[in-house]
C-alpha atoms as a PDB file:
ATOM      1  CA  GLY A   1     -17.960 -29.775 -19.653  1.00  0.00           C
ATOM      2  CA  GLY A   2     -17.711 -33.453 -20.650  1.00  0.00           C
ATOM      3  CA  SER A   3     -18.142 -32.792 -24.353  1.00  0.00           C
ATOM      4  CA  LYS A   4     -15.376 -30.187 -24.392  1.00  0.00           C
ATOM      5  CA  ALA A   5     -13.051 -32.484 -22.416  1.00  0.00           C
ATOM      6  CA  ALA A   6     -13.714 -35.336 -24.862  1.00  0.00           C
ATOM      7  CA  SER A   7     -13.028 -33.024 -27.778  1.00  0.00           C
ATOM      8  CA  LEU A   8      -9.756 -31.850 -26.233  1.00  0.00           C
ATOM      9  CA  HIS A   9      -8.757 -35.451 -25.537  1.00  0.00           C
ATOM     10  CA  TRP A  10      -9.482 -36.424 -29.156  1.00  0.00           C
ATOM     11  CA  THR A  11      -7.434 -33.448 -30.367  1.00  0.00           C
ATOM     12  CA  GLY A  12      -4.582 -34.435 -28.061  1.00  0.00           C
ATOM     13  CA  GLU A  13      -4.629 -38.000 -29.383  1.00  0.00           C
ATOM     14  CA  ARG A  14      -4.393 -36.702 -32.960  1.00  0.00           C
ATOM     15  CA  ALA A  15      -1.595 -34.296 -32.036  1.00  0.00           C
ATOM     16  CA  VAL A  16       0.463 -37.100 -30.450  1.00  0.00           C
ATOM     17  CA  SER A  17      -0.108 -39.292 -33.518  1.00  0.00           C
ATOM     18  CA  VAL A  18       1.098 -36.515 -35.827  1.00  0.00           C
ATOM     19  CA  LEU A  19       4.036 -35.853 -33.489  1.00  0.00           C
ATOM     20  CA  LEU A  20       5.011 -39.516 -33.744  1.00  0.00           C
ATOM     21  CA  LEU A  21       4.919 -39.265 -37.540  1.00  0.00           C
ATOM     22  CA  GLY A  22       7.448 -36.436 -37.301  1.00  0.00           C
ATOM     23  CA  LEU A  23       9.585 -38.093 -34.633  1.00  0.00           C
ATOM     24  CA  LEU A  24      10.204 -41.231 -36.682  1.00  0.00           C
ATOM     25  CA  PRO A  25      12.149 -39.474 -39.467  1.00  0.00           C
ATOM     26  CA  ALA A  26      13.786 -37.235 -36.856  1.00  0.00           C
ATOM     27  CA  ALA A  27      15.013 -40.336 -35.034  1.00  0.00           C
ATOM     28  CA  TYR A  28      16.664 -41.504 -38.229  1.00  0.00           C
ATOM     29  CA  LEU A  29      18.001 -38.156 -39.438  1.00  0.00           C
ATOM     30  CA  CYS A  30      19.177 -36.590 -36.181  1.00  0.00           C
ATOM     31  CA  PRO A  31      19.211 -39.129 -33.339  1.00  0.00           C
ATOM     32  CA  GLY A  32      19.982 -37.789 -29.917  1.00  0.00           C
ATOM     33  CA  PRO A  33      18.727 -37.394 -26.361  1.00  0.00           C
ATOM     34  CA  ALA A  34      15.991 -34.889 -27.233  1.00  0.00           C
ATOM     35  CA  VAL A  35      14.467 -37.259 -29.786  1.00  0.00           C
ATOM     36  CA  ASP A  36      14.960 -40.276 -27.494  1.00  0.00           C
ATOM     37  CA  TYR A  37      13.079 -38.666 -24.605  1.00  0.00           C
ATOM     38  CA  SER A  38      10.405 -37.253 -26.913  1.00  0.00           C
ATOM     39  CA  LEU A  39       9.859 -40.734 -28.316  1.00  0.00           C
ATOM     40  CA  ALA A  40       9.690 -42.180 -24.794  1.00  0.00           C
ATOM     41  CA  ALA A  41       6.982 -39.703 -23.817  1.00  0.00           C
ATOM     42  CA  ALA A  42       5.000 -39.866 -27.068  1.00  0.00           C
ATOM     43  CA  LEU A  43       5.086 -43.675 -27.343  1.00  0.00           C
ATOM     44  CA  THR A  44       4.056 -44.094 -23.713  1.00  0.00           C
ATOM     45  CA  LEU A  45       1.195 -41.617 -24.026  1.00  0.00           C
ATOM     46  CA  HIS A  46       0.040 -43.137 -27.327  1.00  0.00           C
ATOM     47  CA  GLY A  47       0.048 -46.623 -25.804  1.00  0.00           C
ATOM     48  CA  HIS A  48      -1.646 -45.427 -22.618  1.00  0.00           C
ATOM     49  CA  TRP A  49      -4.523 -43.861 -24.526  1.00  0.00           C
ATOM     50  CA  GLY A  50      -4.849 -46.886 -26.821  1.00  0.00           C
ATOM     51  CA  LEU A  51      -4.989 -49.375 -23.970  1.00  0.00           C
ATOM     52  CA  GLY A  52      -7.389 -47.044 -22.146  1.00  0.00           C
ATOM     53  CA  GLN A  53      -9.789 -47.437 -25.059  1.00  0.00           C
ATOM     54  CA  VAL A  54      -9.452 -51.224 -24.840  1.00  0.00           C
ATOM     55  CA  ILE A  55     -10.407 -51.012 -21.159  1.00  0.00           C
ATOM     56  CA  THR A  56     -13.347 -48.752 -21.984  1.00  0.00           C
ATOM     57  CA  ASP A  57     -14.589 -51.164 -24.647  1.00  0.00           C
ATOM     58  CA  TYR A  58     -14.045 -54.516 -22.945  1.00  0.00           C
ATOM     59  CA  VAL A  59     -13.955 -54.120 -19.148  1.00  0.00           C
ATOM     60  CA  HIS A  60     -17.315 -53.863 -17.397  1.00  0.00           C
ATOM     61  CA  GLY A  61     -18.292 -53.263 -13.789  1.00  0.00           C
ATOM     62  CA  ASP A  62     -17.116 -50.584 -11.371  1.00  0.00           C
ATOM     63  CA  VAL A  63     -14.433 -52.564  -9.531  1.00  0.00           C
ATOM     64  CA  PRO A  64     -12.900 -54.238 -12.614  1.00  0.00           C
ATOM     65  CA  ILE A  65     -12.718 -50.866 -14.396  1.00  0.00           C
ATOM     66  CA  LYS A  66     -10.969 -49.268 -11.411  1.00  0.00           C
ATOM     67  CA  VAL A  67      -8.518 -52.178 -11.154  1.00  0.00           C
ATOM     68  CA  ALA A  68      -7.824 -52.136 -14.906  1.00  0.00           C
ATOM     69  CA  ASN A  69      -7.285 -48.372 -14.930  1.00  0.00           C
ATOM     70  CA  MET A  70      -4.945 -48.574 -11.930  1.00  0.00           C
ATOM     71  CA  GLY A  71      -3.012 -51.334 -13.699  1.00  0.00           C
ATOM     72  CA  LEU A  72      -2.844 -49.204 -16.830  1.00  0.00           C
ATOM     73  CA  TYR A  73      -1.426 -46.236 -14.915  1.00  0.00           C
ATOM     74  CA  ILE A  74       1.162 -48.474 -13.268  1.00  0.00           C
ATOM     75  CA  LEU A  75       2.081 -50.049 -16.611  1.00  0.00           C
ATOM     76  CA  SER A  76       2.358 -46.653 -18.306  1.00  0.00           C
ATOM     77  CA  GLY A  77       4.473 -45.239 -15.491  1.00  0.00           C
ATOM     78  CA  LEU A  78       6.802 -48.241 -15.553  1.00  0.00           C
ATOM     79  CA  THR A  79       7.025 -48.076 -19.345  1.00  0.00           C
ATOM     80  CA  PHE A  80       8.005 -44.407 -19.311  1.00  0.00           C
ATOM     81  CA  ALA A  81      10.468 -44.937 -16.460  1.00  0.00           C
ATOM     82  CA  GLY A  82      11.990 -47.922 -18.260  1.00  0.00           C
ATOM     83  CA  LEU A  83      12.389 -46.020 -21.525  1.00  0.00           C
ATOM     84  CA  CYS A  84      13.948 -43.062 -19.725  1.00  0.00           C
ATOM     85  CA  HIS A  85      16.305 -45.410 -17.870  1.00  0.00           C
ATOM     86  CA  PHE A  86      17.236 -47.022 -21.186  1.00  0.00           C
ATOM     87  CA  ASN A  87      17.852 -43.607 -22.742  1.00  0.00           C
ATOM     88  CA  TYR A  88      20.003 -42.428 -19.839  1.00  0.00           C
ATOM     89  CA  HIS A  89      21.953 -45.576 -18.956  1.00  0.00           C
ATOM     90  CA  ASP A  90      22.179 -47.319 -22.331  1.00  0.00           C
ATOM     91  CA  VAL A  91      22.335 -46.381 -26.016  1.00  0.00           C
ATOM     92  CA  GLY A  92      18.859 -44.804 -26.271  1.00  0.00           C
ATOM     93  CA  ILE A  93      15.862 -45.617 -28.416  1.00  0.00           C
ATOM     94  CA  CYS A  94      17.197 -44.152 -31.696  1.00  0.00           C
ATOM     95  CA  LYS A  95      20.533 -45.929 -31.567  1.00  0.00           C
ATOM     96  CA  ALA A  96      18.939 -49.192 -30.407  1.00  0.00           C
ATOM     97  CA  VAL A  97      16.600 -49.224 -33.409  1.00  0.00           C
ATOM     98  CA  ALA A  98      19.538 -48.382 -35.709  1.00  0.00           C
ATOM     99  CA  MET A  99      21.480 -51.269 -34.196  1.00  0.00           C
ATOM    100  CA  LEU A 100      18.538 -53.622 -34.830  1.00  0.00           C
ATOM    101  CA  TRP A 101      18.327 -52.485 -38.454  1.00  0.00           C
ATOM    102  CA  SER A 102      22.048 -53.134 -38.950  1.00  0.00           C
ATOM    103  CA  LEU A 103      21.680 -56.825 -38.038  1.00  0.00           C
END
């Protein structure tokens, strides 16, 4: 059970990393809402899993781990909500990065 779940999690992490590699050129070549929301989801998930590993490596004790994980879920939820809000109510991730590059 646990070994298979860990293997699936590792495979999912690799799939999201490869997806991000494809989304970056897509964001440049064909920016739009589909790419913006895909980036919002993939970046949030990638960051969530990365920070989860930091918690696993550096936070010790039952209560601190539970508090850190709860904080991580809140942070990830707020990050995704903020990116979606930015995509819907503002220019979106792709156009914002293009605007930064044009400076």
